[in-house]
Amino acid sequence: MIRFDGVVKKFNSKAVLAGVSFEIRQGEIFAIVGPSGTGKSVTLKHMVRLLTPTSGSVWLGSEEVSAASGRRLAKIRERFGYLFQGGAFLGSLTVGENIQLPLRERRNLSEFEIERRTHEALEAVDLAGAEDKMPAELSGGMLKRAGLARALVRNADIMLYDEPTSALDPVTARQVNRLITRTNTERKITSVVVTHDLAAALGYAHRILMLKGGKVLECCSPDKFVKSPVAEVKEFLEASGL
């Protein structure tokens, strides 16, 4: 479904991605793990062409995302929901107004339809009734869930999560991870999760890709990942207490 073919990404002379190739299957939860600064979030941004490869290509089905622009790129991006690491909420707007921003870009939607979708999205993340709250009134975990609601309101069939549990306590992180699984199952969407939480990824992901030094070290099911013969993978598992 999503395919990287020999993707190289350089910033100045430094290669953050050094010939990355892999494929994400439709409907799966695909986790991307690895040490800090190894290109995980950079990989995610290439999927919606927030970044463009220095060389190589990125595909969504038969569409080359890395070569798309204008209306064609806009059409591709409509298929994606994106949960940003920092939340990216506008503090001057209510939670409901923040969630409605992607819908108000579509001028063919009625006010009733916008309100209906907003309510459904908040209900899906267990935040029903939070429309009139301000972002500052929400806890970190609630903000993450509200961010997921904003991504879901677009009715996207692919969800991208950038460190969805960063800065959350263990209980709240577990709630967010359960929401990722529930959203994937109930909405039958494809989910791509960049995370430092390897233990959680082993529990919910269908496959795990590990990056280090801008290269793919492993890409397989959790069962195979924990038995990987690759030395760097073994070291990463041990460092994660697994």
C-alpha atoms as a PDB file:
ATOM      1  CA  MET A   1       0.000   0.000   0.000  1.00  0.00           C
ATOM      2  CA  ILE A   2       2.710   2.472   1.084  1.00  0.00           C
ATOM      3  CA  ARG A   3       6.100   1.706  -0.428  1.00  0.00           C
ATOM      4  CA  PHE A   4       9.553   3.239   0.001  1.00  0.00           C
ATOM      5  CA  ASP A   5      12.022   2.436  -2.778  1.00  0.00           C
ATOM      6  CA  GLY A   6      15.625   3.287  -1.939  1.00  0.00           C
ATOM      7  CA  VAL A   7      14.764   6.564  -0.234  1.00  0.00           C
ATOM      8  CA  VAL A   8      17.711   8.792   0.587  1.00  0.00           C
ATOM      9  CA  LYS A   9      17.168  12.049   2.463  1.00  0.00           C
ATOM     10  CA  LYS A  10      20.038  14.443   3.029  1.00  0.00           C
ATOM     11  CA  PHE A  11      20.035  17.633   5.052  1.00  0.00           C
ATOM     12  CA  ASN A  12      23.044  19.560   3.800  1.00  0.00           C
ATOM     13  CA  SER A  13      25.576  16.737   3.441  1.00  0.00           C
ATOM     14  CA  LYS A  14      24.202  14.478   6.180  1.00  0.00           C
ATOM     15  CA  ALA A  15      22.108  11.482   5.061  1.00  0.00           C
ATOM     16  CA  VAL A  16      19.295  11.002   7.597  1.00  0.00           C
ATOM     17  CA  LEU A  17      17.800   8.237   5.436  1.00  0.00           C
ATOM     18  CA  ALA A  18      20.347   6.161   3.537  1.00  0.00           C
ATOM     19  CA  GLY A  19      18.525   4.021   0.988  1.00  0.00           C
ATOM     20  CA  VAL A  20      15.403   2.983   2.924  1.00  0.00           C
ATOM     21  CA  SER A  21      13.084   0.396   1.328  1.00  0.00           C
ATOM     22  CA  PHE A  22       9.990  -1.242   2.844  1.00  0.00           C
ATOM     23  CA  GLU A  23       6.268  -1.728   2.225  1.00  0.00           C
ATOM     24  CA  ILE A  24       3.277  -1.207   4.524  1.00  0.00           C
ATOM     25  CA  ARG A  25       0.274  -3.451   3.955  1.00  0.00           C
ATOM     26  CA  GLN A  26      -3.304  -2.230   3.902  1.00  0.00           C
ATOM     27  CA  GLY A  27      -5.098  -2.505   7.240  1.00  0.00           C
ATOM     28  CA  GLU A  28      -2.080  -3.244   9.414  1.00  0.00           C
ATOM     29  CA  ILE A  29      -0.567  -1.420  12.372  1.00  0.00           C
ATOM     30  CA  PHE A  30       3.020  -0.752  11.316  1.00  0.00           C
ATOM     31  CA  ALA A  31       5.387   0.502  14.014  1.00  0.00           C
ATOM     32  CA  ILE A  32       8.646   2.321  13.297  1.00  0.00           C
ATOM     33  CA  VAL A  33      11.185   2.185  16.140  1.00  0.00           C
ATOM     34  CA  GLY A  34      14.838   2.998  16.667  1.00  0.00           C
ATOM     35  CA  PRO A  35      17.204   5.321  18.545  1.00  0.00           C
ATOM     36  CA  SER A  36      16.624   9.058  18.624  1.00  0.00           C
ATOM     37  CA  GLY A  37      17.751  10.942  15.526  1.00  0.00           C
ATOM     38  CA  THR A  38      17.691   7.914  13.284  1.00  0.00           C
ATOM     39  CA  GLY A  39      15.066   9.182  10.818  1.00  0.00           C
ATOM     40  CA  LYS A  40      11.766   7.843  12.175  1.00  0.00           C
ATOM     41  CA  SER A  41       9.776  11.093  11.992  1.00  0.00           C
ATOM     42  CA  VAL A  42      11.547  12.008   8.746  1.00  0.00           C
ATOM     43  CA  THR A  43      10.251   8.725   7.297  1.00  0.00           C
ATOM     44  CA  LEU A  44       6.715   9.563   8.407  1.00  0.00           C
ATOM     45  CA  LYS A  45       6.820  13.021   6.834  1.00  0.00           C
ATOM     46  CA  HIS A  46       7.814  11.539   3.460  1.00  0.00           C
ATOM     47  CA  MET A  47       4.518   9.610   3.357  1.00  0.00           C
ATOM     48  CA  VAL A  48       2.526  12.836   2.928  1.00  0.00           C
ATOM     49  CA  ARG A  49       5.316  14.729   1.161  1.00  0.00           C
ATOM     50  CA  LEU A  50       5.999  17.125   3.988  1.00  0.00           C
ATOM     51  CA  LEU A  51       9.516  16.131   2.931  1.00  0.00           C
ATOM     52  CA  THR A  52      10.729  15.037  -0.512  1.00  0.00           C
ATOM     53  CA  PRO A  53      13.471  12.394  -0.993  1.00  0.00           C
ATOM     54  CA  THR A  54      16.885  13.474  -2.156  1.00  0.00           C
ATOM     55  CA  SER A  55      16.704  10.296  -4.241  1.00  0.00           C
ATOM     56  CA  GLY A  56      14.456   7.244  -4.370  1.00  0.00           C
ATOM     57  CA  SER A  57      10.657   7.295  -4.353  1.00  0.00           C
ATOM     58  CA  VAL A  58       7.599   6.955  -2.095  1.00  0.00           C
ATOM     59  CA  TRP A  59       4.403   5.333  -3.354  1.00  0.00           C
ATOM     60  CA  LEU A  60       0.787   5.060  -2.224  1.00  0.00           C
ATOM     61  CA  GLY A  61      -0.580   2.243  -4.331  1.00  0.00           C
ATOM     62  CA  SER A  62       0.113   3.241  -7.932  1.00  0.00           C
ATOM     63  CA  GLU A  63       0.570   6.945  -7.058  1.00  0.00           C
ATOM     64  CA  GLU A  64       4.097   8.290  -6.622  1.00  0.00           C
ATOM     65  CA  VAL A  65       3.714  10.552  -3.606  1.00  0.00           C
ATOM     66  CA  SER A  66       7.263  11.871  -3.910  1.00  0.00           C
ATOM     67  CA  ALA A  67       6.508  13.268  -7.384  1.00  0.00           C
ATOM     68  CA  ALA A  68       2.979  14.555  -6.699  1.00  0.00           C
ATOM     69  CA  SER A  69       2.053  18.225  -6.488  1.00  0.00           C
ATOM     70  CA  GLY A  70      -0.944  20.545  -6.696  1.00  0.00           C
ATOM     71  CA  ARG A  71      -4.379  18.922  -6.787  1.00  0.00           C
ATOM     72  CA  ARG A  72      -2.902  15.453  -7.135  1.00  0.00           C
ATOM     73  CA  LEU A  73      -0.936  15.841  -3.898  1.00  0.00           C
ATOM     74  CA  ALA A  74      -3.960  17.371  -2.149  1.00  0.00           C
ATOM     75  CA  LYS A  75      -6.024  14.331  -3.181  1.00  0.00           C
ATOM     76  CA  ILE A  76      -3.393  11.961  -1.791  1.00  0.00           C
ATOM     77  CA  ARG A  77      -3.194  13.875   1.491  1.00  0.00           C
ATOM     78  CA  GLU A  78      -6.954  13.612   1.950  1.00  0.00           C
ATOM     79  CA  ARG A  79      -6.438   9.906   2.614  1.00  0.00           C
ATOM     80  CA  PHE A  80      -4.226  10.601   5.641  1.00  0.00           C
ATOM     81  CA  GLY A  81      -4.901  11.588   9.219  1.00  0.00           C
ATOM     82  CA  TYR A  82      -1.852  12.847  11.140  1.00  0.00           C
ATOM     83  CA  LEU A  83      -1.462  12.892  14.923  1.00  0.00           C
ATOM     84  CA  PHE A  84       1.409  15.296  15.557  1.00  0.00           C
ATOM     85  CA  GLN A  85       3.823  14.810  18.432  1.00  0.00           C
ATOM     86  CA  GLY A  86       3.099  18.231  19.920  1.00  0.00           C
ATOM     87  CA  GLY A  87      -0.667  18.289  19.440  1.00  0.00           C
ATOM     88  CA  ALA A  88      -0.605  21.458  17.272  1.00  0.00           C
ATOM     89  CA  PHE A  89      -3.797  22.921  18.765  1.00  0.00           C
ATOM     90  CA  LEU A  90      -4.649  26.604  18.466  1.00  0.00           C
ATOM     91  CA  GLY A  91      -5.032  27.871  22.018  1.00  0.00           C
ATOM     92  CA  SER A  92      -7.516  30.589  21.051  1.00  0.00           C
ATOM     93  CA  LEU A  93     -10.048  28.079  19.676  1.00  0.00           C
ATOM     94  CA  THR A  94     -12.172  25.550  21.551  1.00  0.00           C
ATOM     95  CA  VAL A  95     -11.485  21.842  21.170  1.00  0.00           C
ATOM     96  CA  GLY A  96     -14.493  21.536  18.865  1.00  0.00           C
ATOM     97  CA  GLU A  97     -13.346  24.458  16.708  1.00  0.00           C
ATOM     98  CA  ASN A  98      -9.844  22.942  16.431  1.00  0.00           C
ATOM     99  CA  ILE A  99     -11.278  19.606  15.350  1.00  0.00           C
ATOM    100  CA  GLN A 100     -13.518  21.283  12.783  1.00  0.00           C
ATOM    101  CA  LEU A 101     -10.687  23.132  11.021  1.00  0.00           C
ATOM    102  CA  PRO A 102     -10.014  20.342   8.461  1.00  0.00           C
ATOM    103  CA  LEU A 103     -13.744  20.136   7.705  1.00  0.00           C
ATOM    104  CA  ARG A 104     -14.195  23.882   7.217  1.00  0.00           C
ATOM    105  CA  GLU A 105     -11.624  23.714   4.428  1.00  0.00           C
ATOM    106  CA  ARG A 106     -14.236  21.665   2.548  1.00  0.00           C
ATOM    107  CA  ARG A 107     -16.850  24.220   1.590  1.00  0.00           C
ATOM    108  CA  ASN A 108     -19.376  21.620   0.479  1.00  0.00           C
ATOM    109  CA  LEU A 109     -20.110  20.434   4.048  1.00  0.00           C
ATOM    110  CA  SER A 110     -23.141  21.761   5.901  1.00  0.00           C
ATOM    111  CA  GLU A 111     -22.933  23.028   9.471  1.00  0.00           C
ATOM    112  CA  PHE A 112     -25.024  20.057  10.576  1.00  0.00           C
ATOM    113  CA  GLU A 113     -22.568  17.612   8.956  1.00  0.00           C
ATOM    114  CA  ILE A 114     -19.575  19.377  10.530  1.00  0.00           C
ATOM    115  CA  GLU A 115     -21.174  19.231  13.982  1.00  0.00           C
ATOM    116  CA  ARG A 116     -22.160  15.575  13.492  1.00  0.00           C
ATOM    117  CA  ARG A 117     -18.654  14.518  12.483  1.00  0.00           C
ATOM    118  CA  THR A 118     -17.119  16.472  15.359  1.00  0.00           C
ATOM    119  CA  HIS A 119     -19.376  14.760  17.886  1.00  0.00           C
ATOM    120  CA  GLU A 120     -18.691  11.301  16.412  1.00  0.00           C
ATOM    121  CA  ALA A 121     -14.920  11.852  16.404  1.00  0.00           C
ATOM    122  CA  LEU A 122     -14.880  12.985  20.041  1.00  0.00           C
ATOM    123  CA  GLU A 123     -17.096  10.087  21.026  1.00  0.00           C
ATOM    124  CA  ALA A 124     -14.703   7.673  19.294  1.00  0.00           C
ATOM    125  CA  VAL A 125     -11.843   8.818  21.553  1.00  0.00           C
ATOM    126  CA  ASP A 126     -13.947   8.933  24.744  1.00  0.00           C
ATOM    127  CA  LEU A 127     -14.138  12.740  24.847  1.00  0.00           C
ATOM    128  CA  ALA A 128     -17.848  13.240  24.195  1.00  0.00           C
ATOM    129  CA  GLY A 129     -18.978  16.650  25.452  1.00  0.00           C
ATOM    130  CA  ALA A 130     -15.526  18.276  25.293  1.00  0.00           C
ATOM    131  CA  GLU A 131     -16.375  20.482  22.294  1.00  0.00           C
ATOM    132  CA  ASP A 132     -16.582  23.732  24.284  1.00  0.00           C
ATOM    133  CA  LYS A 133     -13.464  23.224  26.392  1.00  0.00           C
ATOM    134  CA  MET A 134     -10.277  25.144  25.627  1.00  0.00           C
ATOM    135  CA  PRO A 135      -7.082  23.171  24.897  1.00  0.00           C
ATOM    136  CA  ALA A 136      -5.487  24.562  28.081  1.00  0.00           C
ATOM    137  CA  GLU A 137      -8.229  22.866  30.121  1.00  0.00           C
ATOM    138  CA  LEU A 138      -7.256  19.387  28.901  1.00  0.00           C
ATOM    139  CA  SER A 139      -4.619  17.097  30.355  1.00  0.00           C
ATOM    140  CA  GLY A 140      -1.791  15.795  28.167  1.00  0.00           C
ATOM    141  CA  GLY A 141      -3.605  12.521  27.557  1.00  0.00           C
ATOM    142  CA  MET A 142      -6.853  14.270  26.700  1.00  0.00           C
ATOM    143  CA  LEU A 143      -5.000  16.528  24.243  1.00  0.00           C
ATOM    144  CA  LYS A 144      -3.559  13.450  22.526  1.00  0.00           C
ATOM    145  CA  ARG A 145      -7.055  11.985  22.231  1.00  0.00           C
ATOM    146  CA  ALA A 146      -8.436  15.283  20.952  1.00  0.00           C
ATOM    147  CA  GLY A 147      -5.651  15.317  18.379  1.00  0.00           C
ATOM    148  CA  LEU A 148      -6.689  11.840  17.298  1.00  0.00           C
ATOM    149  CA  ALA A 149     -10.288  13.045  16.999  1.00  0.00           C
ATOM    150  CA  ARG A 150      -9.142  15.878  14.722  1.00  0.00           C
ATOM    151  CA  ALA A 151      -7.332  13.339  12.535  1.00  0.00           C
ATOM    152  CA  LEU A 152     -10.309  10.948  12.480  1.00  0.00           C
ATOM    153  CA  VAL A 153     -12.838  13.636  11.567  1.00  0.00           C
ATOM    154  CA  ARG A 154     -11.457  13.645   8.011  1.00  0.00           C
ATOM    155  CA  ASN A 155     -12.590  10.018   7.527  1.00  0.00           C
ATOM    156  CA  ALA A 156      -9.048   9.156   6.426  1.00  0.00           C
ATOM    157  CA  ASP A 157      -8.161   5.537   5.684  1.00  0.00           C
ATOM    158  CA  ILE A 158      -4.511   5.911   6.796  1.00  0.00           C
ATOM    159  CA  MET A 159      -3.462   7.216  10.221  1.00  0.00           C
ATOM    160  CA  LEU A 160       0.049   8.481  10.969  1.00  0.00           C
ATOM    161  CA  TYR A 161       1.081   8.748  14.627  1.00  0.00           C
ATOM    162  CA  ASP A 162       4.251  10.635  15.591  1.00  0.00           C
ATOM    163  CA  GLU A 163       5.284   9.605  19.118  1.00  0.00           C
ATOM    164  CA  PRO A 164       1.654   9.398  20.344  1.00  0.00           C
ATOM    165  CA  THR A 165       2.593   8.586  23.953  1.00  0.00           C
ATOM    166  CA  SER A 166       5.529  10.968  24.460  1.00  0.00           C
ATOM    167  CA  ALA A 167       5.462  12.843  27.794  1.00  0.00           C
ATOM    168  CA  LEU A 168       2.513  10.777  29.066  1.00  0.00           C
ATOM    169  CA  ASP A 169       2.398   8.791  32.292  1.00  0.00           C
ATOM    170  CA  PRO A 170       2.244   4.970  31.894  1.00  0.00           C
ATOM    171  CA  VAL A 171      -1.498   4.697  32.568  1.00  0.00           C
ATOM    172  CA  THR A 172      -2.413   7.421  30.077  1.00  0.00           C
ATOM    173  CA  ALA A 173       0.052   6.013  27.530  1.00  0.00           C
ATOM    174  CA  ARG A 174      -1.663   2.629  27.801  1.00  0.00           C
ATOM    175  CA  GLN A 175      -5.032   4.286  27.145  1.00  0.00           C
ATOM    176  CA  VAL A 176      -3.687   5.980  24.011  1.00  0.00           C
ATOM    177  CA  ASN A 177      -2.147   2.720  22.774  1.00  0.00           C
ATOM    178  CA  ARG A 178      -5.481   0.967  23.251  1.00  0.00           C
ATOM    179  CA  LEU A 179      -7.154   3.713  21.228  1.00  0.00           C
ATOM    180  CA  ILE A 180      -4.680   3.120  18.388  1.00  0.00           C
ATOM    181  CA  THR A 181      -5.636  -0.561  18.329  1.00  0.00           C
ATOM    182  CA  ARG A 182      -9.357   0.146  18.652  1.00  0.00           C
ATOM    183  CA  THR A 183      -9.299   2.767  15.909  1.00  0.00           C
ATOM    184  CA  ASN A 184      -7.449   0.417  13.587  1.00  0.00           C
ATOM    185  CA  THR A 185      -9.913  -2.420  14.231  1.00  0.00           C
ATOM    186  CA  GLU A 186     -13.198  -0.489  14.245  1.00  0.00           C
ATOM    187  CA  ARG A 187     -12.426   1.783  11.299  1.00  0.00           C
ATOM    188  CA  LYS A 188     -10.388  -0.784   9.346  1.00  0.00           C
ATOM    189  CA  ILE A 189      -7.679   1.735   8.613  1.00  0.00           C
ATOM    190  CA  THR A 190      -3.946   1.433   8.061  1.00  0.00           C
ATOM    191  CA  SER A 191      -1.944   2.786  10.996  1.00  0.00           C
ATOM    192  CA  VAL A 192       1.711   3.860  10.989  1.00  0.00           C
ATOM    193  CA  VAL A 193       3.160   4.569  14.438  1.00  0.00           C
ATOM    194  CA  VAL A 194       6.541   6.167  15.144  1.00  0.00           C
ATOM    195  CA  THR A 195       7.326   5.377  18.772  1.00  0.00           C
ATOM    196  CA  HIS A 196      10.049   5.028  21.394  1.00  0.00           C
ATOM    197  CA  ASP A 197       7.825   2.625  23.337  1.00  0.00           C
ATOM    198  CA  LEU A 198       9.077  -0.687  21.983  1.00  0.00           C
ATOM    199  CA  ALA A 199       7.250  -2.742  24.622  1.00  0.00           C
ATOM    200  CA  ALA A 200       3.907  -1.244  23.576  1.00  0.00           C
ATOM    201  CA  ALA A 201       4.682  -1.649  19.874  1.00  0.00           C
ATOM    202  CA  LEU A 202       5.379  -5.342  20.400  1.00  0.00           C
ATOM    203  CA  GLY A 203       1.890  -5.627  21.873  1.00  0.00           C
ATOM    204  CA  TYR A 204      -0.179  -3.848  19.221  1.00  0.00           C
ATOM    205  CA  ALA A 205       1.787  -3.801  15.948  1.00  0.00           C
ATOM    206  CA  HIS A 206       1.367  -6.340  13.177  1.00  0.00           C
ATOM    207  CA  ARG A 207       4.903  -5.584  12.008  1.00  0.00           C
ATOM    208  CA  ILE A 208       7.818  -3.547  13.358  1.00  0.00           C
ATOM    209  CA  LEU A 209      10.488  -1.747  11.365  1.00  0.00           C
ATOM    210  CA  MET A 210      13.686  -0.710  13.113  1.00  0.00           C
ATOM    211  CA  LEU A 211      15.843   2.101  11.762  1.00  0.00           C
ATOM    212  CA  LYS A 212      19.370   2.920  12.827  1.00  0.00           C
ATOM    213  CA  GLY A 213      21.785   5.238  11.097  1.00  0.00           C
ATOM    214  CA  GLY A 214      19.146   5.903   8.449  1.00  0.00           C
ATOM    215  CA  LYS A 215      19.015   2.247   7.399  1.00  0.00           C
ATOM    216  CA  VAL A 216      16.489  -0.561   7.908  1.00  0.00           C
ATOM    217  CA  LEU A 217      17.865  -3.133  10.346  1.00  0.00           C
ATOM    218  CA  GLU A 218      14.739  -5.276  10.661  1.00  0.00           C
ATOM    219  CA  CYS A 219      11.155  -5.402   9.412  1.00  0.00           C
ATOM    220  CA  CYS A 220       9.010  -8.272  10.651  1.00  0.00           C
ATOM    221  CA  SER A 221       6.285  -9.435  13.042  1.00  0.00           C
ATOM    222  CA  PRO A 222       6.742  -8.879  16.808  1.00  0.00           C
ATOM    223  CA  ASP A 223       7.351 -12.613  17.329  1.00  0.00           C
ATOM    224  CA  LYS A 224      10.225 -12.570  14.851  1.00  0.00           C
ATOM    225  CA  PHE A 225      11.485  -9.175  16.049  1.00  0.00           C
ATOM    226  CA  VAL A 226      12.189 -10.403  19.589  1.00  0.00           C
ATOM    227  CA  LYS A 227      14.150 -13.329  18.113  1.00  0.00           C
ATOM    228  CA  SER A 228      16.081 -11.248  15.576  1.00  0.00           C
ATOM    229  CA  PRO A 229      19.697 -12.327  15.037  1.00  0.00           C
ATOM    230  CA  VAL A 230      20.719  -8.716  14.237  1.00  0.00           C
ATOM    231  CA  ALA A 231      23.106  -7.488  16.958  1.00  0.00           C
ATOM    232  CA  GLU A 232      21.755  -3.914  17.014  1.00  0.00           C
ATOM    233  CA  VAL A 233      18.183  -5.200  17.390  1.00  0.00           C
ATOM    234  CA  LYS A 234      19.220  -7.439  20.284  1.00  0.00           C
ATOM    235  CA  GLU A 235      20.953  -4.473  21.923  1.00  0.00           C
ATOM    236  CA  PHE A 236      17.847  -2.302  21.438  1.00  0.00           C
ATOM    237  CA  LEU A 237      15.627  -4.969  23.007  1.00  0.00           C
ATOM    238  CA  GLU A 238      17.964  -5.307  25.980  1.00  0.00           C
ATOM    239  CA  ALA A 239      18.128  -1.537  26.455  1.00  0.00           C
ATOM    240  CA  SER A 240      14.313  -1.486  26.454  1.00  0.00           C
ATOM    241  CA  GLY A 241      14.292  -4.103  29.217  1.00  0.00           C
ATOM    242  CA  LEU A 242      12.927  -6.824  26.937  1.00  0.00           C
END
